[in-house]
């Protein structure tokens, strides 16, 4: 989801203010990836899926980066970037199935994977 220069500046300022308020001092993320993911989930599922998808991907990435299950050293920027990419990839694949398909339909949830 491309944004114009004014929107990009506003998003950068907002992201910086929010990161400071949440005490995420070294937060660095791929804004375009997150916007693309939000846009795709809104189109594929429903508009309200965008913030939910973004939240869940961020949460999953935080868990993976913090536990060391993502590439890189636990808590490192490399681990964070890898965790976000991995979680976003899962979400993008689910978007391909729309609101009715996905892991639970094919048995992932029932296999504890």
PDB file of N, CA and C in Angstrom:
ATOM      1  N   UNK A   1       0.852  -1.161   0.000  1.00  0.00           N
ATOM      2  CA  UNK A   1       0.000   0.000   0.000  1.00  0.00           C
ATOM      3  C   UNK A   1       0.899   1.226   0.000  1.00  0.00           C
ATOM      4  N   UNK A   2       0.943   1.878  -1.107  1.00  0.00           N
ATOM      5  CA  UNK A   2       1.791   3.056  -1.232  1.00  0.00           C
ATOM      6  C   UNK A   2       1.132   4.250  -0.557  1.00  0.00           C
ATOM      7  N   UNK A   3       1.933   5.057   0.064  1.00  0.00           N
ATOM      8  CA  UNK A   3       1.438   6.291   0.670  1.00  0.00           C
ATOM      9  C   UNK A   3       2.178   7.453   0.033  1.00  0.00           C
ATOM     10  N   UNK A   4       1.516   8.603  -0.023  1.00  0.00           N
ATOM     11  CA  UNK A   4       2.185   9.768  -0.596  1.00  0.00           C
ATOM     12  C   UNK A   4       3.173  10.340   0.422  1.00  0.00           C
ATOM     13  N   UNK A   5       3.937  11.321  -0.005  1.00  0.00           N
ATOM     14  CA  UNK A   5       4.990  11.877   0.855  1.00  0.00           C
ATOM     15  C   UNK A   5       4.441  12.489   2.134  1.00  0.00           C
ATOM     16  N   UNK A   6       3.293  13.167   2.042  1.00  0.00           N
ATOM     17  CA  UNK A   6       2.699  13.760   3.246  1.00  0.00           C
ATOM     18  C   UNK A   6       2.288  12.679   4.235  1.00  0.00           C
ATOM     19  N   UNK A   7       1.648  11.631   3.734  1.00  0.00           N
ATOM     20  CA  UNK A   7       1.240  10.531   4.606  1.00  0.00           C
ATOM     21  C   UNK A   7       2.455   9.835   5.211  1.00  0.00           C
ATOM     22  N   UNK A   8       3.490   9.639   4.411  1.00  0.00           N
ATOM     23  CA  UNK A   8       4.706   8.996   4.909  1.00  0.00           C
ATOM     24  C   UNK A   8       5.323   9.820   6.039  1.00  0.00           C
ATOM     25  N   UNK A   9       5.345  11.134   5.886  1.00  0.00           N
ATOM     26  CA  UNK A   9       5.895  11.992   6.930  1.00  0.00           C
ATOM     27  C   UNK A   9       5.047  11.905   8.193  1.00  0.00           C
ATOM     28  N   UNK A  10       3.732  11.942   8.044  1.00  0.00           N
ATOM     29  CA  UNK A  10       2.837  11.834   9.198  1.00  0.00           C
ATOM     30  C   UNK A  10       3.016  10.485   9.879  1.00  0.00           C
ATOM     31  N   UNK A  11       3.100   9.400   9.095  1.00  0.00           N
ATOM     32  CA  UNK A  11       3.303   8.072   9.677  1.00  0.00           C
ATOM     33  C   UNK A  11       4.639   7.971  10.401  1.00  0.00           C
ATOM     34  N   UNK A  12       5.676   8.548   9.826  1.00  0.00           N
ATOM     35  CA  UNK A  12       6.995   8.538  10.481  1.00  0.00           C
ATOM     36  C   UNK A  12       6.941   9.267  11.816  1.00  0.00           C
ATOM     37  N   UNK A  13       6.327  10.450  11.818  1.00  0.00           N
ATOM     38  CA  UNK A  13       6.215  11.218  13.057  1.00  0.00           C
ATOM     39  C   UNK A  13       5.375  10.472  14.089  1.00  0.00           C
ATOM     40  N   UNK A  14       4.253   9.920  13.651  1.00  0.00           N
ATOM     41  CA  UNK A  14       3.382   9.172  14.563  1.00  0.00           C
ATOM     42  C   UNK A  14       4.115   7.950  15.113  1.00  0.00           C
ATOM     43  N   UNK A  15       4.775   7.215  14.247  1.00  0.00           N
ATOM     44  CA  UNK A  15       5.494   6.015  14.675  1.00  0.00           C
ATOM     45  C   UNK A  15       6.559   6.364  15.696  1.00  0.00           C
ATOM     46  N   UNK A  16       7.270   7.464  15.459  1.00  0.00           N
ATOM     47  CA  UNK A  16       8.315   7.897  16.390  1.00  0.00           C
ATOM     48  C   UNK A  16       7.707   8.278  17.744  1.00  0.00           C
ATOM     49  N   UNK A  17       6.634   9.062  17.731  1.00  0.00           N
ATOM     50  CA  UNK A  17       5.970   9.471  18.976  1.00  0.00           C
ATOM     51  C   UNK A  17       5.435   8.258  19.729  1.00  0.00           C
ATOM     52  N   UNK A  18       4.802   7.345  19.008  1.00  0.00           N
ATOM     53  CA  UNK A  18       4.236   6.160  19.645  1.00  0.00           C
ATOM     54  C   UNK A  18       5.338   5.269  20.214  1.00  0.00           C
ATOM     55  N   UNK A  19       6.410   5.085  19.463  1.00  0.00           N
ATOM     56  CA  UNK A  19       7.531   4.275  19.952  1.00  0.00           C
ATOM     57  C   UNK A  19       8.111   4.866  21.230  1.00  0.00           C
ATOM     58  N   UNK A  20       8.263   6.176  21.269  1.00  0.00           N
ATOM     59  CA  UNK A  20       8.769   6.823  22.486  1.00  0.00           C
ATOM     60  C   UNK A  20       7.803   6.611  23.645  1.00  0.00           C
ATOM     61  N   UNK A  21       6.520   6.802  23.400  1.00  0.00           N
ATOM     62  CA  UNK A  21       5.527   6.660  24.463  1.00  0.00           C
ATOM     63  C   UNK A  21       5.477   5.231  24.995  1.00  0.00           C
ATOM     64  N   UNK A  22       5.700   4.256  24.114  1.00  0.00           N
ATOM     65  CA  UNK A  22       5.686   2.845  24.507  1.00  0.00           C
ATOM     66  C   UNK A  22       7.062   2.362  24.956  1.00  0.00           C
ATOM     67  N   UNK A  23       8.036   3.264  24.959  1.00  0.00           N
ATOM     68  CA  UNK A  23       9.409   2.970  25.357  1.00  0.00           C
ATOM     69  C   UNK A  23      10.032   1.878  24.485  1.00  0.00           C
ATOM     70  N   UNK A  24       9.786   1.982  23.189  1.00  0.00           N
ATOM     71  CA  UNK A  24      10.396   1.093  22.197  1.00  0.00           C
ATOM     72  C   UNK A  24      11.480   1.898  21.494  1.00  0.00           C
ATOM     73  N   UNK A  25      12.561   2.132  22.204  1.00  0.00           N
ATOM     74  CA  UNK A  25      13.540   3.118  21.790  1.00  0.00           C
ATOM     75  C   UNK A  25      14.288   2.772  20.512  1.00  0.00           C
ATOM     76  N   UNK A  26      14.540   1.506  20.263  1.00  0.00           N
ATOM     77  CA  UNK A  26      15.307   1.123  19.080  1.00  0.00           C
ATOM     78  C   UNK A  26      14.443   0.463  18.016  1.00  0.00           C
ATOM     79  N   UNK A  27      13.155   0.741  18.019  1.00  0.00           N
ATOM     80  CA  UNK A  27      12.250   0.095  17.079  1.00  0.00           C
ATOM     81  C   UNK A  27      12.539   0.540  15.656  1.00  0.00           C
ATOM     82  N   UNK A  28      12.738  -0.434  14.804  1.00  0.00           N
ATOM     83  CA  UNK A  28      12.940  -0.200  13.382  1.00  0.00           C
ATOM     84  C   UNK A  28      12.119  -1.257  12.667  1.00  0.00           C
ATOM     85  N   UNK A  29      11.226  -0.851  11.779  1.00  0.00           N
ATOM     86  CA  UNK A  29      10.379  -1.822  11.095  1.00  0.00           C
ATOM     87  C   UNK A  29      10.130  -1.394   9.665  1.00  0.00           C
ATOM     88  N   UNK A  30       9.683  -2.340   8.866  1.00  0.00           N
ATOM     89  CA  UNK A  30       9.405  -2.121   7.459  1.00  0.00           C
ATOM     90  C   UNK A  30       7.969  -1.604   7.322  1.00  0.00           C
ATOM     91  N   UNK A  31       7.831  -0.288   7.267  1.00  0.00           N
ATOM     92  CA  UNK A  31       6.507   0.324   7.185  1.00  0.00           C
ATOM     93  C   UNK A  31       5.722  -0.188   5.984  1.00  0.00           C
ATOM     94  N   UNK A  32       6.368  -0.307   4.844  1.00  0.00           N
ATOM     95  CA  UNK A  32       5.669  -0.760   3.640  1.00  0.00           C
ATOM     96  C   UNK A  32       5.130  -2.184   3.796  1.00  0.00           C
ATOM     97  N   UNK A  33       5.905  -3.057   4.437  1.00  0.00           N
ATOM     98  CA  UNK A  33       5.446  -4.422   4.671  1.00  0.00           C
ATOM     99  C   UNK A  33       4.184  -4.428   5.528  1.00  0.00           C
ATOM    100  N   UNK A  34       4.190  -3.648   6.603  1.00  0.00           N
ATOM    101  CA  UNK A  34       3.036  -3.596   7.492  1.00  0.00           C
ATOM    102  C   UNK A  34       1.830  -2.997   6.775  1.00  0.00           C
ATOM    103  N   UNK A  35       2.036  -1.946   6.003  1.00  0.00           N
ATOM    104  CA  UNK A  35       0.931  -1.342   5.260  1.00  0.00           C
ATOM    105  C   UNK A  35       0.392  -2.291   4.196  1.00  0.00           C
ATOM    106  N   UNK A  36       1.291  -3.006   3.513  1.00  0.00           N
ATOM    107  CA  UNK A  36       0.849  -3.990   2.517  1.00  0.00           C
ATOM    108  C   UNK A  36       0.042  -5.105   3.173  1.00  0.00           C
ATOM    109  N   UNK A  37       0.509  -5.584   4.317  1.00  0.00           N
ATOM    110  CA  UNK A  37      -0.193  -6.638   5.037  1.00  0.00           C
ATOM    111  C   UNK A  37      -1.570  -6.164   5.490  1.00  0.00           C
ATOM    112  N   UNK A  38      -1.636  -4.967   6.036  1.00  0.00           N
ATOM    113  CA  UNK A  38      -2.924  -4.421   6.473  1.00  0.00           C
ATOM    114  C   UNK A  38      -3.873  -4.263   5.287  1.00  0.00           C
ATOM    115  N   UNK A  39      -3.360  -3.758   4.186  1.00  0.00           N
ATOM    116  CA  UNK A  39      -4.188  -3.584   2.992  1.00  0.00           C
ATOM    117  C   UNK A  39      -4.684  -4.901   2.432  1.00  0.00           C
ATOM    118  N   UNK A  40      -3.799  -5.884   2.385  1.00  0.00           N
ATOM    119  CA  UNK A  40      -4.185  -7.199   1.845  1.00  0.00           C
ATOM    120  C   UNK A  40      -5.213  -7.878   2.735  1.00  0.00           C
ATOM    121  N   UNK A  41      -5.048  -7.815   4.040  1.00  0.00           N
ATOM    122  CA  UNK A  41      -6.023  -8.445   4.926  1.00  0.00           C
ATOM    123  C   UNK A  41      -7.367  -7.713   4.859  1.00  0.00           C
ATOM    124  N   UNK A  42      -7.339  -6.401   4.693  1.00  0.00           N
ATOM    125  CA  UNK A  42      -8.591  -5.646   4.552  1.00  0.00           C
ATOM    126  C   UNK A  42      -9.326  -6.049   3.271  1.00  0.00           C
ATOM    127  N   UNK A  43      -8.581  -6.224   2.179  1.00  0.00           N
ATOM    128  CA  UNK A  43      -9.201  -6.617   0.903  1.00  0.00           C
ATOM    129  C   UNK A  43      -9.657  -8.077   0.904  1.00  0.00           C
ATOM    130  N   UNK A  44      -8.847  -8.954   1.483  1.00  0.00           N
ATOM    131  CA  UNK A  44      -9.106 -10.390   1.409  1.00  0.00           C
ATOM    132  C   UNK A  44     -10.119 -10.890   2.414  1.00  0.00           C
ATOM    133  N   UNK A  45     -10.183 -10.246   3.560  1.00  0.00           N
ATOM    134  CA  UNK A  45     -11.039 -10.742   4.642  1.00  0.00           C
ATOM    135  C   UNK A  45     -12.167  -9.752   4.886  1.00  0.00           C
ATOM    136  N   UNK A  46     -11.866  -8.683   5.558  1.00  0.00           N
ATOM    137  CA  UNK A  46     -12.789  -7.574   5.811  1.00  0.00           C
ATOM    138  C   UNK A  46     -11.957  -6.397   6.278  1.00  0.00           C
ATOM    139  N   UNK A  47     -12.492  -5.202   6.142  1.00  0.00           N
ATOM    140  CA  UNK A  47     -11.739  -3.994   6.485  1.00  0.00           C
ATOM    141  C   UNK A  47     -11.185  -4.055   7.908  1.00  0.00           C
ATOM    142  N   UNK A  48     -11.977  -4.538   8.832  1.00  0.00           N
ATOM    143  CA  UNK A  48     -11.556  -4.589  10.236  1.00  0.00           C
ATOM    144  C   UNK A  48     -10.436  -5.603  10.481  1.00  0.00           C
ATOM    145  N   UNK A  49     -10.132  -6.460   9.512  1.00  0.00           N
ATOM    146  CA  UNK A  49      -9.045  -7.426   9.672  1.00  0.00           C
ATOM    147  C   UNK A  49      -7.675  -6.748   9.655  1.00  0.00           C
ATOM    148  N   UNK A  50      -7.579  -5.561   9.085  1.00  0.00           N
ATOM    149  CA  UNK A  50      -6.283  -4.877   8.964  1.00  0.00           C
ATOM    150  C   UNK A  50      -5.615  -4.624  10.316  1.00  0.00           C
ATOM    151  N   UNK A  51      -6.284  -3.959  11.260  1.00  0.00           N
ATOM    152  CA  UNK A  51      -5.599  -3.727  12.538  1.00  0.00           C
ATOM    153  C   UNK A  51      -5.403  -5.009  13.341  1.00  0.00           C
ATOM    154  N   UNK A  52      -6.357  -5.926  13.245  1.00  0.00           N
ATOM    155  CA  UNK A  52      -6.239  -7.183  13.982  1.00  0.00           C
ATOM    156  C   UNK A  52      -5.050  -7.984  13.459  1.00  0.00           C
ATOM    157  N   UNK A  53      -4.920  -8.055  12.141  1.00  0.00           N
ATOM    158  CA  UNK A  53      -3.810  -8.782  11.525  1.00  0.00           C
ATOM    159  C   UNK A  53      -2.479  -8.154  11.906  1.00  0.00           C
ATOM    160  N   UNK A  54      -2.400  -6.834  11.839  1.00  0.00           N
ATOM    161  CA  UNK A  54      -1.159  -6.140  12.189  1.00  0.00           C
ATOM    162  C   UNK A  54      -0.781  -6.387  13.643  1.00  0.00           C
ATOM    163  N   UNK A  55      -1.752  -6.319  14.527  1.00  0.00           N
ATOM    164  CA  UNK A  55      -1.488  -6.568  15.941  1.00  0.00           C
ATOM    165  C   UNK A  55      -0.987  -7.995  16.157  1.00  0.00           C
ATOM    166  N   UNK A  56      -1.676  -8.959  15.577  1.00  0.00           N
ATOM    167  CA  UNK A  56      -1.312 -10.359  15.803  1.00  0.00           C
ATOM    168  C   UNK A  56       0.044 -10.694  15.205  1.00  0.00           C
ATOM    169  N   UNK A  57       0.356 -10.150  14.035  1.00  0.00           N
ATOM    170  CA  UNK A  57       1.673 -10.370  13.424  1.00  0.00           C
ATOM    171  C   UNK A  57       2.755  -9.754  14.303  1.00  0.00           C
ATOM    172  N   UNK A  58       2.523  -8.549  14.803  1.00  0.00           N
ATOM    173  CA  UNK A  58       3.495  -7.913  15.687  1.00  0.00           C
ATOM    174  C   UNK A  58       3.694  -8.691  16.973  1.00  0.00           C
ATOM    175  N   UNK A  59       2.618  -9.183  17.521  1.00  0.00           N
ATOM    176  CA  UNK A  59       2.708  -9.957  18.760  1.00  0.00           C
ATOM    177  C   UNK A  59       3.492 -11.253  18.525  1.00  0.00           C
ATOM    178  N   UNK A  60       3.143 -11.969  17.452  1.00  0.00           N
ATOM    179  CA  UNK A  60       3.844 -13.217  17.134  1.00  0.00           C
ATOM    180  C   UNK A  60       5.323 -12.955  16.865  1.00  0.00           C
ATOM    181  N   UNK A  61       5.612 -11.874  16.159  1.00  0.00           N
ATOM    182  CA  UNK A  61       7.004 -11.532  15.869  1.00  0.00           C
ATOM    183  C   UNK A  61       7.753 -11.188  17.151  1.00  0.00           C
ATOM    184  N   UNK A  62       7.107 -10.474  18.054  1.00  0.00           N
ATOM    185  CA  UNK A  62       7.742 -10.138  19.324  1.00  0.00           C
ATOM    186  C   UNK A  62       8.059 -11.373  20.145  1.00  0.00           C
ATOM    187  N   UNK A  63       7.128 -12.317  20.183  1.00  0.00           N
ATOM    188  CA  UNK A  63       7.374 -13.564  20.904  1.00  0.00           C
ATOM    189  C   UNK A  63       8.537 -14.340  20.290  1.00  0.00           C
ATOM    190  N   UNK A  64       8.526 -14.452  18.951  1.00  0.00           N
ATOM    191  CA  UNK A  64       9.584 -15.205  18.274  1.00  0.00           C
ATOM    192  C   UNK A  64      10.940 -14.529  18.433  1.00  0.00           C
ATOM    193  N   UNK A  65      10.978 -13.215  18.311  1.00  0.00           N
ATOM    194  CA  UNK A  65      12.249 -12.493  18.434  1.00  0.00           C
ATOM    195  C   UNK A  65      12.781 -12.561  19.859  1.00  0.00           C
ATOM    196  N   UNK A  66      11.900 -12.470  20.819  1.00  0.00           N
ATOM    197  CA  UNK A  66      12.317 -12.493  22.215  1.00  0.00           C
ATOM    198  C   UNK A  66      12.761 -13.857  22.702  1.00  0.00           C
ATOM    199  N   UNK A  67      12.197 -14.905  22.092  1.00  0.00           N
ATOM    200  CA  UNK A  67      12.523 -16.262  22.535  1.00  0.00           C
ATOM    201  C   UNK A  67      13.712 -16.851  21.785  1.00  0.00           C
ATOM    202  N   UNK A  68      14.128 -16.183  20.713  1.00  0.00           N
ATOM    203  CA  UNK A  68      15.254 -16.697  19.940  1.00  0.00           C
ATOM    204  C   UNK A  68      14.853 -17.699  18.878  1.00  0.00           C
ATOM    205  N   UNK A  69      13.535 -17.887  18.634  1.00  0.00           N
ATOM    206  CA  UNK A  69      13.121 -18.823  17.589  1.00  0.00           C
ATOM    207  C   UNK A  69      13.237 -18.214  16.201  1.00  0.00           C
ATOM    208  N   UNK A  70      13.419 -16.910  16.115  1.00  0.00           N
ATOM    209  CA  UNK A  70      13.662 -16.253  14.834  1.00  0.00           C
ATOM    210  C   UNK A  70      15.164 -16.219  14.589  1.00  0.00           C
ATOM    211  N   UNK A  71      15.552 -16.015  13.325  1.00  0.00           N
ATOM    212  CA  UNK A  71      16.973 -15.956  12.980  1.00  0.00           C
ATOM    213  C   UNK A  71      17.644 -14.812  13.724  1.00  0.00           C
ATOM    214  N   UNK A  72      18.837 -15.036  14.201  1.00  0.00           N
ATOM    215  CA  UNK A  72      19.580 -14.004  14.917  1.00  0.00           C
ATOM    216  C   UNK A  72      19.546 -14.246  16.413  1.00  0.00           C
ATOM    217  N   UNK A  73      20.214 -13.402  17.130  1.00  0.00           N
ATOM    218  CA  UNK A  73      20.266 -13.494  18.582  1.00  0.00           C
ATOM    219  C   UNK A  73      18.970 -12.958  19.174  1.00  0.00           C
ATOM    220  N   UNK A  74      18.448 -13.642  20.184  1.00  0.00           N
ATOM    221  CA  UNK A  74      17.201 -13.212  20.814  1.00  0.00           C
ATOM    222  C   UNK A  74      17.285 -11.743  21.195  1.00  0.00           C
ATOM    223  N   UNK A  75      16.262 -10.985  20.809  1.00  0.00           N
ATOM    224  CA  UNK A  75      16.212  -9.573  21.144  1.00  0.00           C
ATOM    225  C   UNK A  75      16.973  -8.668  20.196  1.00  0.00           C
ATOM    226  N   UNK A  76      17.657  -9.222  19.207  1.00  0.00           N
ATOM    227  CA  UNK A  76      18.433  -8.392  18.281  1.00  0.00           C
ATOM    228  C   UNK A  76      17.539  -7.838  17.178  1.00  0.00           C
ATOM    229  N   UNK A  77      18.042  -6.815  16.495  1.00  0.00           N
ATOM    230  CA  UNK A  77      17.300  -6.249  15.369  1.00  0.00           C
ATOM    231  C   UNK A  77      17.124  -7.278  14.255  1.00  0.00           C
ATOM    232  N   UNK A  78      18.131  -8.122  14.057  1.00  0.00           N
ATOM    233  CA  UNK A  78      18.039  -9.162  13.025  1.00  0.00           C
ATOM    234  C   UNK A  78      16.941 -10.153  13.371  1.00  0.00           C
ATOM    235  N   UNK A  79      16.869 -10.534  14.630  1.00  0.00           N
ATOM    236  CA  UNK A  79      15.827 -11.466  15.070  1.00  0.00           C
ATOM    237  C   UNK A  79      14.455 -10.833  14.910  1.00  0.00           C
ATOM    238  N   UNK A  80      14.345  -9.554  15.235  1.00  0.00           N
ATOM    239  CA  UNK A  80      13.068  -8.862  15.095  1.00  0.00           C
ATOM    240  C   UNK A  80      12.631  -8.798  13.646  1.00  0.00           C
ATOM    241  N   UNK A  81      13.551  -8.436  12.760  1.00  0.00           N
ATOM    242  CA  UNK A  81      13.216  -8.341  11.337  1.00  0.00           C
ATOM    243  C   UNK A  81      12.829  -9.696  10.770  1.00  0.00           C
ATOM    244  N   UNK A  82      13.564 -10.734  11.148  1.00  0.00           N
ATOM    245  CA  UNK A  82      13.237 -12.082  10.671  1.00  0.00           C
ATOM    246  C   UNK A  82      11.886 -12.543  11.203  1.00  0.00           C
ATOM    247  N   UNK A  83      11.603 -12.232  12.446  1.00  0.00           N
ATOM    248  CA  UNK A  83      10.335 -12.641  13.052  1.00  0.00           C
ATOM    249  C   UNK A  83       9.158 -11.935  12.390  1.00  0.00           C
ATOM    250  N   UNK A  84       9.312 -10.653  12.099  1.00  0.00           N
ATOM    251  CA  UNK A  84       8.247  -9.914  11.421  1.00  0.00           C
ATOM    252  C   UNK A  84       8.018 -10.484  10.032  1.00  0.00           C
ATOM    253  N   UNK A  85       9.095 -10.735   9.297  1.00  0.00           N
ATOM    254  CA  UNK A  85       8.970 -11.290   7.953  1.00  0.00           C
ATOM    255  C   UNK A  85       8.281 -12.655   7.980  1.00  0.00           C
ATOM    256  N   UNK A  86       8.648 -13.489   8.937  1.00  0.00           N
ATOM    257  CA  UNK A  86       8.056 -14.824   9.037  1.00  0.00           C
ATOM    258  C   UNK A  86       6.572 -14.740   9.384  1.00  0.00           C
ATOM    259  N   UNK A  87       6.231 -13.928  10.367  1.00  0.00           N
ATOM    260  CA  UNK A  87       4.831 -13.793  10.766  1.00  0.00           C
ATOM    261  C   UNK A  87       3.996 -13.160   9.657  1.00  0.00           C
ATOM    262  N   UNK A  88       4.550 -12.164   8.972  1.00  0.00           N
ATOM    263  CA  UNK A  88       3.834 -11.522   7.870  1.00  0.00           C
ATOM    264  C   UNK A  88       3.611 -12.501   6.728  1.00  0.00           C
ATOM    265  N   UNK A  89       4.590 -13.360   6.460  1.00  0.00           N
ATOM    266  CA  UNK A  89       4.446 -14.353   5.402  1.00  0.00           C
ATOM    267  C   UNK A  89       3.276 -15.293   5.693  1.00  0.00           C
ATOM    268  N   UNK A  90       3.156 -15.729   6.930  1.00  0.00           N
ATOM    269  CA  UNK A  90       2.029 -16.586   7.314  1.00  0.00           C
ATOM    270  C   UNK A  90       0.711 -15.851   7.079  1.00  0.00           C
ATOM    271  N   UNK A  91       0.650 -14.594   7.503  1.00  0.00           N
ATOM    272  CA  UNK A  91      -0.581 -13.818   7.343  1.00  0.00           C
ATOM    273  C   UNK A  91      -0.917 -13.592   5.869  1.00  0.00           C
ATOM    274  N   UNK A  92       0.087 -13.292   5.036  1.00  0.00           N
ATOM    275  CA  UNK A  92      -0.156 -13.113   3.607  1.00  0.00           C
ATOM    276  C   UNK A  92      -0.713 -14.402   2.985  1.00  0.00           C
ATOM    277  N   UNK A  93      -0.153 -15.552   3.393  1.00  0.00           N
ATOM    278  CA  UNK A  93      -0.655 -16.818   2.867  1.00  0.00           C
ATOM    279  C   UNK A  93      -2.103 -17.059   3.281  1.00  0.00           C
ATOM    280  N   UNK A  94      -2.445 -16.694   4.499  1.00  0.00           N
ATOM    281  CA  UNK A  94      -3.832 -16.837   4.952  1.00  0.00           C
ATOM    282  C   UNK A  94      -4.762 -15.915   4.171  1.00  0.00           C
ATOM    283  N   UNK A  95      -4.282 -14.724   3.836  1.00  0.00           N
ATOM    284  CA  UNK A  95      -5.101 -13.797   3.056  1.00  0.00           C
ATOM    285  C   UNK A  95      -5.486 -14.389   1.706  1.00  0.00           C
ATOM    286  N   UNK A  96      -4.623 -15.215   1.147  1.00  0.00           N
ATOM    287  CA  UNK A  96      -4.927 -15.856  -0.131  1.00  0.00           C
ATOM    288  C   UNK A  96      -6.173 -16.725  -0.036  1.00  0.00           C
ATOM    289  N   UNK A  97      -6.438 -17.286   1.155  1.00  0.00           N
ATOM    290  CA  UNK A  97      -7.596 -18.145   1.358  1.00  0.00           C
ATOM    291  C   UNK A  97      -8.857 -17.361   1.699  1.00  0.00           C
ATOM    292  N   UNK A  98      -8.724 -16.081   1.998  1.00  0.00           N
ATOM    293  CA  UNK A  98      -9.878 -15.271   2.371  1.00  0.00           C
ATOM    294  C   UNK A  98     -10.390 -15.628   3.749  1.00  0.00           C
ATOM    295  N   UNK A  99     -11.593 -15.161   4.084  1.00  0.00           N
ATOM    296  CA  UNK A  99     -12.100 -15.338   5.441  1.00  0.00           C
ATOM    297  C   UNK A  99     -12.505 -16.768   5.786  1.00  0.00           C
ATOM    298  N   UNK A 100     -12.719 -17.603   4.805  1.00  0.00           N
ATOM    299  CA  UNK A 100     -13.223 -18.953   5.069  1.00  0.00           C
ATOM    300  C   UNK A 100     -12.139 -20.018   5.156  1.00  0.00           C
ATOM    301  N   UNK A 101     -10.989 -19.794   4.537  1.00  0.00           N
ATOM    302  CA  UNK A 101      -9.946 -20.810   4.510  1.00  0.00           C
ATOM    303  C   UNK A 101      -8.901 -20.570   5.568  1.00  0.00           C
ATOM    304  N   UNK A 102      -7.855 -21.383   5.527  1.00  0.00           N
ATOM    305  CA  UNK A 102      -6.753 -21.150   6.433  1.00  0.00           C
ATOM    306  C   UNK A 102      -6.323 -22.370   7.191  1.00  0.00           C
ATOM    307  N   UNK A 103      -5.395 -22.191   8.115  1.00  0.00           N
ATOM    308  CA  UNK A 103      -4.780 -23.308   8.819  1.00  0.00           C
ATOM    309  C   UNK A 103      -5.759 -24.217   9.539  1.00  0.00           C
ATOM    310  N   UNK A 104      -6.736 -23.657  10.233  1.00  0.00           N
ATOM    311  CA  UNK A 104      -7.649 -24.513  10.991  1.00  0.00           C
ATOM    312  C   UNK A 104      -8.415 -25.437  10.046  1.00  0.00           C
ATOM    313  N   UNK A 105      -8.749 -24.945   8.850  1.00  0.00           N
ATOM    314  CA  UNK A 105      -9.461 -25.776   7.881  1.00  0.00           C
ATOM    315  C   UNK A 105      -8.591 -26.926   7.386  1.00  0.00           C
ATOM    316  N   UNK A 106      -7.282 -26.695   7.329  1.00  0.00           N
ATOM    317  CA  UNK A 106      -6.405 -27.751   6.828  1.00  0.00           C
ATOM    318  C   UNK A 106      -5.725 -28.512   7.962  1.00  0.00           C
ATOM    319  N   UNK A 107      -6.092 -28.227   9.197  1.00  0.00           N
ATOM    320  CA  UNK A 107      -5.665 -29.058  10.307  1.00  0.00           C
ATOM    321  C   UNK A 107      -4.496 -28.563  11.128  1.00  0.00           C
ATOM    322  N   UNK A 108      -3.888 -27.419  10.818  1.00  0.00           N
ATOM    323  CA  UNK A 108      -2.727 -26.965  11.579  1.00  0.00           C
ATOM    324  C   UNK A 108      -3.061 -26.760  13.053  1.00  0.00           C
ATOM    325  N   UNK A 109      -4.188 -26.138  13.317  1.00  0.00           N
ATOM    326  CA  UNK A 109      -4.530 -25.819  14.703  1.00  0.00           C
ATOM    327  C   UNK A 109      -4.721 -27.089  15.529  1.00  0.00           C
ATOM    328  N   UNK A 110      -5.191 -28.135  14.906  1.00  0.00           N
ATOM    329  CA  UNK A 110      -5.453 -29.385  15.625  1.00  0.00           C
ATOM    330  C   UNK A 110      -4.203 -30.228  15.816  1.00  0.00           C
ATOM    331  N   UNK A 111      -3.087 -29.834  15.206  1.00  0.00           N
ATOM    332  CA  UNK A 111      -1.858 -30.601  15.330  1.00  0.00           C
ATOM    333  C   UNK A 111      -0.825 -29.916  16.212  1.00  0.00           C
ATOM    334  N   UNK A 112      -1.213 -28.809  16.843  1.00  0.00           N
ATOM    335  CA  UNK A 112      -0.332 -28.038  17.745  1.00  0.00           C
ATOM    336  C   UNK A 112       0.924 -27.556  17.051  1.00  0.00           C
ATOM    337  N   UNK A 113       0.838 -27.220  15.774  1.00  0.00           N
ATOM    338  CA  UNK A 113       1.971 -26.679  15.038  1.00  0.00           C
ATOM    339  C   UNK A 113       1.933 -25.186  15.042  1.00  0.00           C
TER     340      UNK A 113
END
